[in-house]
């Protein structure tokens, strides 16, 4: 993470950021404006130019998405490694290594990578999640070759002195303090994840436990790099004003010569069945109380296999997919309001188990218990009464619109292709996902609302606010600890 950012990016396919309502930092509700009921769309407009995929001789994947509307290009390097691949005692090493990737190679001094990208007229950054690590540059299209040369060099030859590691480790610790330890809700979420996930590595925070960061050594990061940064565990995605065959030739030139190595075997770590409600009570100086309900639910495993994941996505959107949606309208507005803000979100896909979450901040005079009951009551109401055609049509129309508008951004196109690759999904996954979502019926949404929201699947985390010391250090933003570290 070169530059701290409070953005949240949920694990899973990039498409989902447009499908689910806000969860990590729910905004104050706004009164809905009367809108005509839209007709549900039947399909997604076809992309004018399809992406193409190649596999280099060393096993590295190359994906190219031509888009000639502007003379710019994005190169993204995706490595299928994240905090899910760490072991106890070295939590946070995937993110620390991401920082160290900017600290030099045999031919580049620390920080020189960024300076050279800037000299090309470009911008760059990186991110680490539970499931993957990504690096990107957006540059003028005619400077793509130089960017590919730089990125391939650090992927193959990242190296730095121990003193540089020690300095950067302090930056990561400060990031943890700012984004987690100074944020009561983030600390609560971190403890909730640790309670929800027992066998899954998802119980560890992406940024790492502070005790593990304190004990981390340069060799921990170097070993992680040598183990996971291999061509067959990585994909280069290029989108923009480019010719696929030309990009393929450049990839062969700069990435193709990196020696092939086997991807380490990953052993399954199956999460045991939850057999009763779990509760976390967390006390910290805070302005408001907060409650988070996390339900263990199915996820999308195979793109075209029958699954309740599609209906769960729709349920999340009906609850919190647009201004004036069910949670917003019923819990934060009118004389009976119980919350200042509410939210719902669903993980949908990932390399580990996923959750459906409901969150809320009590209004003045209300309690977290009241908000918890009200959130669950809205799901129970859908289980009893179902959803209307107008609600379904509205969220489906928004999905198609968001997918269409997303094509205006080469960065969004590259990011989606890369995150789909991480999950093992095909090039046309986003279009097929939308088609599955458009086919969801009211009956299916009603069925999942009644099937997955009992006590046995639930972990509740409650923030009990303590008085705030005006002299104490205050956080500068909020990011859920399960999200992306940049």
Protein backbone atom coordinates (compact mmCIF):
# COMPACT_ATOMS: atom_id res chain seq x y z
CA UNK A 1 0.00 0.00 0.00
CA UNK A 2 1.78 3.08 -1.16
CA UNK A 3 -0.84 5.55 -0.05
CA UNK A 4 -3.36 4.83 2.73
CA UNK A 5 -6.93 5.00 1.55
CA UNK A 6 -10.16 4.58 3.52
CA UNK A 7 -11.88 2.86 0.60
CA UNK A 8 -13.59 -0.41 1.26
CA UNK A 9 -13.58 -3.08 -1.43
CA UNK A 10 -15.34 -6.26 -0.51
CA UNK A 11 -13.76 -9.54 -1.30
CA UNK A 12 -15.01 -11.24 -4.38
CA UNK A 13 -15.81 -10.31 -7.93
CA UNK A 14 -15.44 -6.62 -8.80
CA UNK A 15 -18.91 -6.57 -10.30
CA UNK A 16 -20.37 -6.95 -6.84
CA UNK A 17 -19.36 -3.47 -5.76
CA UNK A 18 -22.23 -2.23 -7.88
CA UNK A 19 -24.69 -4.84 -6.69
CA UNK A 20 -24.75 -4.64 -2.91
CA UNK A 21 -25.56 -1.73 -0.66
CA UNK A 22 -22.96 0.08 1.46
CA UNK A 23 -21.84 -1.85 4.50
CA UNK A 24 -18.51 -0.72 5.90
CA UNK A 25 -19.41 2.91 6.33
CA UNK A 26 -23.15 3.35 5.98
CA UNK A 27 -24.23 6.85 5.01
CA UNK A 28 -27.09 8.82 6.46
CA UNK A 29 -30.31 7.94 4.71
CA UNK A 30 -31.99 10.32 2.31
CA UNK A 31 -35.68 10.57 1.62
CA UNK A 32 -36.61 8.70 -1.57
CA UNK A 33 -37.93 10.68 -4.49
CA UNK A 34 -40.95 9.29 -6.29
CA UNK A 35 -39.86 7.45 -9.40
CA UNK A 36 -41.83 5.53 -11.99
CA UNK A 37 -41.52 1.78 -11.72
CA UNK A 38 -38.94 0.62 -14.28
CA UNK A 39 -39.43 -2.41 -16.44
CA UNK A 40 -36.99 -5.18 -15.64
CA UNK A 41 -34.33 -5.47 -18.36
CA UNK A 42 -34.00 -8.78 -20.13
CA UNK A 43 -30.33 -8.59 -21.11
CA UNK A 44 -27.07 -6.68 -20.91
CA UNK A 45 -25.85 -4.79 -23.99
CA UNK A 46 -23.06 -6.72 -25.69
CA UNK A 47 -19.56 -5.30 -25.42
CA UNK A 48 -18.30 -4.03 -28.77
CA UNK A 49 -14.82 -5.58 -28.40
CA UNK A 50 -14.29 -8.79 -26.47
CA UNK A 51 -11.24 -9.43 -24.27
CA UNK A 52 -8.74 -12.08 -25.29
CA UNK A 53 -6.68 -14.36 -23.08
CA UNK A 54 -3.28 -15.98 -23.62
CA UNK A 55 -1.05 -18.24 -21.55
CA UNK A 56 2.69 -17.65 -21.75
CA UNK A 57 5.11 -20.56 -21.87
CA UNK A 58 6.00 -20.10 -18.18
CA UNK A 59 2.35 -20.39 -17.14
CA UNK A 60 1.59 -16.68 -16.68
CA UNK A 61 -1.83 -15.52 -17.89
CA UNK A 62 -2.26 -12.48 -20.13
CA UNK A 63 -5.67 -10.84 -20.64
CA UNK A 64 -6.11 -7.96 -23.08
CA UNK A 65 -9.21 -5.75 -23.37
CA UNK A 66 -8.98 -3.31 -26.31
CA UNK A 67 -10.81 0.00 -25.84
CA UNK A 68 -9.80 2.64 -28.35
CA UNK A 69 -11.95 5.51 -27.12
CA UNK A 70 -9.04 7.31 -25.46
CA UNK A 71 -5.22 7.12 -25.93
CA UNK A 72 -4.62 5.57 -22.52
CA UNK A 73 -3.87 2.11 -21.19
CA UNK A 74 -3.93 0.31 -17.86
CA UNK A 75 -1.59 -2.51 -16.92
CA UNK A 76 -2.52 -4.55 -13.87
CA UNK A 77 -0.52 -7.39 -12.39
CA UNK A 78 -2.64 -9.76 -10.33
CA UNK A 79 -1.09 -12.34 -8.01
CA UNK A 80 -3.39 -14.99 -6.60
CA UNK A 81 -2.10 -14.57 -3.07
CA UNK A 82 -3.47 -12.64 -0.13
CA UNK A 83 -3.91 -12.91 3.59
CA UNK A 84 -5.75 -16.21 3.04
CA UNK A 85 -2.36 -17.74 2.15
CA UNK A 86 -0.56 -16.60 5.30
CA UNK A 87 0.16 -18.79 8.31
CA UNK A 88 -0.28 -17.96 11.96
CA UNK A 89 2.56 -15.83 13.26
CA UNK A 90 3.11 -13.96 10.00
CA UNK A 91 -0.29 -12.32 9.51
CA UNK A 92 0.00 -9.21 7.37
CA UNK A 93 3.00 -10.42 5.38
CA UNK A 94 1.14 -10.33 2.05
CA UNK A 95 0.39 -6.64 2.60
CA UNK A 96 3.89 -5.88 3.87
CA UNK A 97 5.34 -7.50 0.75
CA UNK A 98 3.09 -5.34 -1.41
CA UNK A 99 4.75 -2.31 0.19
CA UNK A 100 8.20 -3.78 -0.38
CA UNK A 101 7.53 -4.30 -4.08
CA UNK A 102 8.04 -0.54 -4.44
CA UNK A 103 11.42 -0.69 -2.71
CA UNK A 104 13.69 -1.77 -5.50
CA UNK A 105 15.19 -4.39 -7.78
CA UNK A 106 18.74 -5.12 -8.90
CA UNK A 107 18.50 -2.10 -11.23
CA UNK A 108 16.03 0.18 -9.39
CA UNK A 109 16.58 2.03 -6.13
CA UNK A 110 13.82 2.29 -3.50
CA UNK A 111 11.08 4.58 -4.78
CA UNK A 112 12.51 4.72 -8.30
CA UNK A 113 9.70 2.59 -9.73
CA UNK A 114 7.13 5.23 -8.81
CA UNK A 115 9.31 8.06 -10.09
CA UNK A 116 9.71 6.38 -13.46
CA UNK A 117 5.99 5.76 -13.84
CA UNK A 118 5.35 9.42 -13.03
CA UNK A 119 7.93 10.42 -15.65
CA UNK A 120 5.94 8.40 -18.20
CA UNK A 121 2.95 10.60 -17.42
CA UNK A 122 1.27 7.83 -15.47
CA UNK A 123 -0.09 6.97 -12.04
CA UNK A 124 0.29 3.75 -10.08
CA UNK A 125 -0.59 2.03 -6.85
CA UNK A 126 -1.28 -1.39 -5.39
CA UNK A 127 -3.72 -3.22 -3.12
CA UNK A 128 -3.89 -6.34 -0.99
CA UNK A 129 -7.02 -8.28 -0.02
CA UNK A 130 -7.78 -11.60 1.55
CA UNK A 131 -7.71 -13.32 -1.84
CA UNK A 132 -5.19 -11.49 -4.03
CA UNK A 133 -2.61 -8.75 -4.43
CA UNK A 134 -2.72 -6.32 -7.33
CA UNK A 135 -0.46 -3.67 -8.85
CA UNK A 136 -1.41 -1.19 -11.54
CA UNK A 137 -0.21 1.63 -13.75
CA UNK A 138 -2.32 3.88 -15.94
CA UNK A 139 -0.17 5.46 -18.61
CA UNK A 140 -0.42 6.96 -22.11
CA UNK A 141 -0.91 4.01 -24.44
CA UNK A 142 2.34 4.65 -26.28
CA UNK A 143 4.30 4.18 -23.00
CA UNK A 144 2.89 0.72 -22.28
CA UNK A 145 6.11 -1.09 -23.18
CA UNK A 146 8.08 0.88 -20.62
CA UNK A 147 5.50 0.12 -17.93
CA UNK A 148 5.58 -3.59 -18.76
CA UNK A 149 9.37 -3.58 -18.52
CA UNK A 150 9.22 -1.98 -15.07
CA UNK A 151 6.49 -4.28 -13.73
CA UNK A 152 8.08 -7.48 -15.02
CA UNK A 153 11.41 -6.45 -13.47
CA UNK A 154 10.03 -6.09 -9.96
CA UNK A 155 7.90 -9.23 -10.27
CA UNK A 156 11.01 -11.25 -11.11
CA UNK A 157 13.72 -9.39 -9.19
CA UNK A 158 12.26 -7.58 -6.20
CA UNK A 159 15.03 -6.93 -3.65
CA UNK A 160 15.81 -4.42 -0.93
CA UNK A 161 18.08 -3.99 2.11
CA UNK A 162 16.97 -4.93 5.60
CA UNK A 163 16.98 -1.31 6.74
CA UNK A 164 14.44 -0.45 4.05
CA UNK A 165 12.19 -3.23 5.33
CA UNK A 166 12.41 -1.98 8.91
CA UNK A 167 11.44 1.54 7.87
CA UNK A 168 8.51 0.37 5.75
CA UNK A 169 7.27 -1.97 8.46
CA UNK A 170 6.78 1.08 10.68
CA UNK A 171 4.65 2.62 7.92
CA UNK A 172 2.46 -0.50 7.91
CA UNK A 173 2.14 -0.39 11.70
CA UNK A 174 1.03 3.21 11.51
CA UNK A 175 -1.50 2.21 8.87
CA UNK A 176 -2.88 -0.40 11.23
CA UNK A 177 -3.13 2.19 14.01
CA UNK A 178 -4.88 4.70 11.76
CA UNK A 179 -7.28 2.37 9.97
CA UNK A 180 -8.02 -0.18 12.69
CA UNK A 181 -6.82 0.60 16.20
CA UNK A 182 -8.06 4.20 16.10
CA UNK A 183 -11.42 3.09 14.68
CA UNK A 184 -13.80 1.39 17.12
CA UNK A 185 -15.98 -0.09 14.38
CA UNK A 186 -12.95 -1.47 12.57
CA UNK A 187 -11.72 -3.12 15.77
CA UNK A 188 -15.19 -4.53 16.32
CA UNK A 189 -15.24 -5.92 12.78
CA UNK A 190 -11.82 -7.47 13.28
CA UNK A 191 -13.02 -9.28 16.39
CA UNK A 192 -16.24 -10.32 14.66
CA UNK A 193 -14.27 -11.91 11.81
CA UNK A 194 -12.11 -13.76 14.31
CA UNK A 195 -15.27 -15.12 15.97
CA UNK A 196 -17.07 -16.03 12.74
CA UNK A 197 -14.17 -17.86 11.12
CA UNK A 198 -12.50 -20.60 13.10
CA UNK A 199 -10.66 -22.77 10.56
CA UNK A 200 -10.65 -20.35 7.65
CA UNK A 201 -7.66 -17.98 7.35
CA UNK A 202 -10.25 -15.23 6.94
CA UNK A 203 -10.18 -14.93 10.73
CA UNK A 204 -6.91 -13.00 10.39
CA UNK A 205 -6.99 -9.31 9.38
CA UNK A 206 -5.43 -8.36 6.05
CA UNK A 207 -3.20 -5.77 7.72
CA UNK A 208 -2.10 -8.36 10.29
CA UNK A 209 -2.15 -8.54 14.07
CA UNK A 210 0.14 -5.95 15.62
CA UNK A 211 2.07 -8.62 17.55
CA UNK A 212 2.84 -10.40 14.27
CA UNK A 213 3.98 -7.13 12.68
CA UNK A 214 6.21 -6.47 15.68
CA UNK A 215 7.85 -9.88 15.21
CA UNK A 216 8.05 -9.83 11.39
CA UNK A 217 11.48 -10.12 9.79
CA UNK A 218 12.81 -9.25 6.33
CA UNK A 219 13.17 -12.96 5.64
CA UNK A 220 9.44 -13.51 6.27
CA UNK A 221 8.64 -11.17 3.37
CA UNK A 222 11.36 -12.58 1.11
CA UNK A 223 10.18 -16.13 1.71
CA UNK A 224 6.59 -15.17 0.93
CA UNK A 225 7.75 -13.53 -2.29
CA UNK A 226 9.75 -16.58 -3.36
CA UNK A 227 6.90 -18.94 -2.55
CA UNK A 228 3.97 -17.19 -4.20
CA UNK A 229 5.25 -14.72 -6.81
CA UNK A 230 5.60 -17.28 -9.59
CA UNK A 231 4.37 -16.84 -13.18
CA UNK A 232 1.69 -19.54 -13.00
CA UNK A 233 0.18 -17.76 -9.98
CA UNK A 234 -0.11 -14.39 -11.74
CA UNK A 235 -1.99 -12.64 -14.51
CA UNK A 236 -1.20 -9.48 -16.44
CA UNK A 237 -4.30 -7.55 -17.53
CA UNK A 238 -4.00 -4.75 -20.09
CA UNK A 239 -6.96 -2.60 -21.08
CA UNK A 240 -7.13 0.47 -23.29
CA UNK A 241 -5.95 1.73 -26.65
CA UNK A 242 -3.92 -1.36 -27.50
CA UNK A 243 -3.62 -4.14 -30.06
CA UNK A 244 -3.87 -7.61 -28.48
CA UNK A 245 -1.14 -9.20 -30.60
CA UNK A 246 1.21 -6.32 -29.92
CA UNK A 247 0.57 -6.64 -26.20
CA UNK A 248 1.14 -10.37 -26.44
CA UNK A 249 4.51 -9.78 -28.08
CA UNK A 250 5.50 -7.34 -25.32
CA UNK A 251 4.37 -9.79 -22.65
CA UNK A 252 6.46 -12.55 -24.20
CA UNK A 253 9.43 -10.18 -24.32
CA UNK A 254 9.27 -8.94 -20.75
CA UNK A 255 7.35 -11.58 -18.77
CA UNK A 256 7.91 -14.68 -20.87
CA UNK A 257 11.54 -15.07 -19.84
CA UNK A 258 10.76 -15.30 -16.12
CA UNK A 259 11.55 -18.90 -15.11
CA UNK A 260 8.56 -21.14 -14.52
CA UNK A 261 8.09 -22.51 -11.03
CA UNK A 262 5.38 -24.67 -9.51
CA UNK A 263 2.59 -23.00 -7.56
CA UNK A 264 2.67 -24.35 -3.99
CA UNK A 265 -0.08 -26.78 -3.07
CA UNK A 266 -2.92 -25.21 -1.13
CA UNK A 267 -4.54 -27.46 1.43
CA UNK A 268 -8.27 -27.10 2.08
CA UNK A 269 -9.26 -25.42 5.33
CA UNK A 270 -12.93 -26.12 5.67
CA UNK A 271 -14.91 -24.03 8.12
CA UNK A 272 -16.83 -26.21 10.62
CA UNK A 273 -20.59 -25.92 10.81
CA UNK A 274 -21.76 -23.23 13.22
CA UNK A 275 -24.10 -24.65 15.85
CA UNK A 276 -25.49 -21.64 17.65
CA UNK A 277 -25.49 -17.88 17.87
CA UNK A 278 -22.23 -16.16 18.79
CA UNK A 279 -22.01 -12.71 20.36
CA UNK A 280 -19.19 -10.20 20.67
CA UNK A 281 -19.45 -7.27 23.09
CA UNK A 282 -16.86 -4.58 22.46
CA UNK A 283 -16.38 -1.45 24.55
CA UNK A 284 -14.42 1.53 23.24
CA UNK A 285 -14.54 5.32 23.22
CA UNK A 286 -16.99 6.19 20.46
CA UNK A 287 -19.66 8.71 19.58
CA UNK A 288 -22.35 6.14 18.75
CA UNK A 289 -23.20 2.53 19.35
CA UNK A 290 -23.12 0.12 16.43
CA UNK A 291 -24.30 -3.41 15.74
CA UNK A 292 -23.24 -5.87 13.03
CA UNK A 293 -24.99 -9.14 12.23
CA UNK A 294 -22.98 -11.65 10.19
CA UNK A 295 -24.77 -14.70 8.77
CA UNK A 296 -22.97 -17.71 7.32
CA UNK A 297 -24.51 -18.27 3.89
CA UNK A 298 -23.67 -20.12 0.64
CA UNK A 299 -21.52 -18.49 -2.01
CA UNK A 300 -21.14 -18.81 -5.75
CA UNK A 301 -18.85 -21.78 -6.41
CA UNK A 302 -19.42 -22.56 -10.10
CA UNK A 303 -20.72 -19.93 -12.49
CA UNK A 304 -23.48 -22.01 -14.07
CA UNK A 305 -24.27 -24.41 -11.22
CA UNK A 306 -27.54 -24.05 -9.29
CA UNK A 307 -26.98 -21.95 -6.19
CA UNK A 308 -28.84 -19.69 -3.79
CA UNK A 309 -26.08 -17.09 -4.20
CA UNK A 310 -27.96 -15.29 -6.97
CA UNK A 311 -31.06 -14.84 -4.84
CA UNK A 312 -28.94 -13.69 -1.89
CA UNK A 313 -27.42 -10.95 -4.05
CA UNK A 314 -30.91 -9.82 -5.00
CA UNK A 315 -32.03 -9.92 -1.37
CA UNK A 316 -29.10 -7.69 -0.40
CA UNK A 317 -30.01 -5.20 -3.11
CA UNK A 318 -33.69 -5.16 -2.15
CA UNK A 319 -32.71 -4.43 1.43
CA UNK A 320 -30.06 -1.81 0.71
CA UNK A 321 -29.37 -1.44 -2.99
CA UNK A 322 -30.67 2.07 -3.64
CA UNK A 323 -31.76 5.22 -1.85
CA UNK A 324 -35.14 4.53 -0.30
CA UNK A 325 -34.69 0.76 -0.27
CA UNK A 326 -36.30 -1.31 2.48
CA UNK A 327 -33.84 -0.80 5.31
CA UNK A 328 -33.43 2.88 4.53
CA UNK A 329 -37.14 3.53 4.23
CA UNK A 330 -38.39 1.57 7.22
CA UNK A 331 -35.62 2.00 9.79
CA UNK A 332 -34.16 5.49 9.26
CA UNK A 333 -37.18 7.55 8.18
CA UNK A 334 -40.49 8.64 9.64
CA UNK A 335 -41.75 8.89 13.21
CA UNK A 336 -40.88 5.26 13.94
CA UNK A 337 -37.23 5.50 12.93
CA UNK A 338 -34.87 3.44 15.08
CA UNK A 339 -31.54 4.02 13.31
CA UNK A 340 -29.41 6.84 12.01
CA UNK A 341 -27.95 4.57 9.36
CA UNK A 342 -28.27 0.97 8.23
CA UNK A 343 -26.71 -1.28 5.63
CA UNK A 344 -26.66 -4.73 4.08
CA UNK A 345 -24.00 -6.54 2.08
CA UNK A 346 -23.23 -10.00 0.75
CA UNK A 347 -19.81 -11.42 -0.19
CA UNK A 348 -21.09 -13.61 -3.06
CA UNK A 349 -17.73 -15.10 -4.11
CA UNK A 350 -14.25 -15.57 -2.77
CA UNK A 351 -11.50 -18.04 -2.02
CA UNK A 352 -12.94 -18.51 1.47
CA UNK A 353 -16.43 -18.64 3.01
CA UNK A 354 -18.68 -15.62 2.58
CA UNK A 355 -21.10 -13.73 4.81
CA UNK A 356 -24.34 -11.81 4.55
CA UNK A 357 -24.16 -8.80 6.87
CA UNK A 358 -26.67 -6.36 8.31
CA UNK A 359 -25.41 -3.31 10.21
CA UNK A 360 -26.92 -0.32 11.94
CA UNK A 361 -26.28 2.73 14.10
CA UNK A 362 -29.07 3.37 16.65
CA UNK A 363 -30.90 6.69 16.55
CA UNK A 364 -30.98 8.86 19.66
CA UNK A 365 -32.91 7.10 22.40
CA UNK A 366 -32.70 3.70 20.68
CA UNK A 367 -30.54 0.70 21.55
CA UNK A 368 -28.48 -1.76 19.55
CA UNK A 369 -30.93 -4.47 20.62
CA UNK A 370 -33.76 -2.52 19.01
CA UNK A 371 -31.80 -2.06 15.79
CA UNK A 372 -30.77 -5.72 15.74
CA UNK A 373 -34.38 -6.81 16.07
CA UNK A 374 -35.52 -4.33 13.42
CA UNK A 375 -32.91 -5.50 10.91
CA UNK A 376 -33.88 -9.12 11.39
CA UNK A 377 -37.57 -8.21 11.20
CA UNK A 378 -37.11 -6.82 7.69
CA UNK A 379 -35.58 -10.07 6.49
CA UNK A 380 -38.32 -12.04 8.23
CA UNK A 381 -40.94 -9.86 6.54
CA UNK A 382 -39.54 -10.75 3.11
CA UNK A 383 -39.58 -14.40 4.14
CA UNK A 384 -43.28 -14.07 4.97
CA UNK A 385 -44.53 -11.67 2.32
CA UNK A 386 -41.98 -11.86 -0.48
CA UNK A 387 -40.87 -8.96 -2.68
CA UNK A 388 -42.76 -7.01 -5.29
CA UNK A 389 -42.11 -6.91 -9.01
CA UNK A 390 -41.33 -3.19 -8.84
CA UNK A 391 -38.55 -3.71 -6.29
CA UNK A 392 -37.02 -6.47 -8.37
CA UNK A 393 -37.25 -4.44 -11.57
CA UNK A 394 -35.53 -1.46 -9.96
CA UNK A 395 -32.48 -3.34 -8.72
CA UNK A 396 -32.12 -5.28 -11.98
CA UNK A 397 -32.24 -2.09 -14.00
CA UNK A 398 -29.51 -0.62 -11.80
CA UNK A 399 -27.26 -3.64 -12.34
CA UNK A 400 -27.53 -3.41 -16.11
CA UNK A 401 -26.91 0.34 -16.00
CA UNK A 402 -23.87 -0.01 -13.74
CA UNK A 403 -22.38 -2.69 -15.96
CA UNK A 404 -22.92 -0.51 -19.03
CA UNK A 405 -21.44 2.64 -17.48
CA UNK A 406 -18.50 0.69 -16.10
CA UNK A 407 -17.31 0.11 -19.64
CA UNK A 408 -16.48 3.80 -19.86
CA UNK A 409 -13.51 3.18 -17.52
CA UNK A 410 -10.52 1.15 -18.69
CA UNK A 411 -9.46 0.82 -15.05
CA UNK A 412 -12.82 -0.70 -14.12
CA UNK A 413 -12.62 -3.10 -17.06
CA UNK A 414 -9.12 -4.23 -16.12
CA UNK A 415 -10.03 -4.60 -12.47
CA UNK A 416 -13.06 -6.71 -13.22
CA UNK A 417 -11.17 -9.02 -15.57
CA UNK A 418 -8.42 -9.49 -12.99
CA UNK A 419 -10.69 -10.18 -10.06
CA UNK A 420 -12.68 -12.63 -12.15
CA UNK A 421 -9.43 -14.41 -13.05
CA UNK A 422 -8.55 -14.73 -9.36
CA UNK A 423 -11.82 -16.59 -8.79
CA UNK A 424 -11.21 -18.85 -11.79
CA UNK A 425 -14.04 -17.30 -13.79
CA UNK A 426 -14.14 -16.95 -17.59
CA UNK A 427 -13.72 -13.74 -19.56
CA UNK A 428 -17.46 -13.29 -20.01
CA UNK A 429 -18.21 -13.92 -16.33
CA UNK A 430 -19.67 -10.48 -15.62
CA UNK A 431 -22.20 -10.70 -18.43
CA UNK A 432 -23.20 -14.20 -17.36
CA UNK A 433 -23.48 -13.14 -13.72
CA UNK A 434 -25.89 -10.37 -14.68
CA UNK A 435 -27.93 -12.84 -16.74
CA UNK A 436 -28.21 -15.13 -13.72
CA UNK A 437 -29.28 -12.19 -11.56
CA UNK A 438 -31.86 -11.04 -14.08
CA UNK A 439 -33.38 -14.53 -13.95
CA UNK A 440 -33.93 -14.49 -10.17
CA UNK A 441 -37.62 -14.65 -9.25
CA UNK A 442 -39.50 -13.14 -6.30
CA UNK A 443 -40.11 -16.66 -5.02
CA UNK A 444 -36.38 -17.40 -4.90
CA UNK A 445 -35.68 -14.22 -2.93
CA UNK A 446 -38.43 -15.08 -0.47
CA UNK A 447 -37.05 -18.59 -0.09
CA UNK A 448 -33.49 -17.55 0.83
CA UNK A 449 -34.82 -14.94 3.26
CA UNK A 450 -36.47 -17.77 5.15
CA UNK A 451 -33.63 -20.25 4.84
CA UNK A 452 -30.38 -18.64 5.99
CA UNK A 453 -31.14 -16.10 8.70
CA UNK A 454 -31.68 -18.15 11.84
CA UNK A 455 -29.66 -18.04 15.04
CA UNK A 456 -27.42 -20.98 14.17
CA UNK A 457 -25.78 -19.09 11.30
CA UNK A 458 -25.44 -15.78 13.15
CA UNK A 459 -22.61 -13.90 14.87
CA UNK A 460 -23.60 -10.55 16.41
CA UNK A 461 -20.99 -7.90 17.24
CA UNK A 462 -22.04 -4.90 19.32
CA UNK A 463 -20.07 -1.74 19.98
CA UNK A 464 -20.82 -0.26 23.42
CA UNK A 465 -19.53 3.33 23.37
CA UNK A 466 -17.46 4.73 26.20
CA UNK A 467 -16.83 8.45 26.82
CA UNK A 468 -14.31 9.98 24.43
CA UNK A 469 -11.21 11.58 25.88
CA UNK A 470 -10.85 14.89 24.01
CA UNK A 471 -7.06 14.60 24.29
CA UNK A 472 -6.95 11.11 22.82
CA UNK A 473 -5.75 10.44 19.30
CA UNK A 474 -8.67 10.37 16.87
CA UNK A 475 -8.89 8.35 13.68
CA UNK A 476 -9.05 10.02 10.29
CA UNK A 477 -11.43 7.68 8.55
CA UNK A 478 -12.92 4.24 8.62
CA UNK A 479 -12.22 1.13 6.61
CA UNK A 480 -13.53 -2.29 7.45
CA UNK A 481 -10.61 -4.57 8.37
CA UNK A 482 -11.81 -7.29 6.00
CA UNK A 483 -11.50 -4.95 3.05
CA UNK A 484 -8.74 -3.91 0.75
CA UNK A 485 -5.44 -2.55 2.04
CA UNK A 486 -3.92 0.02 -0.31
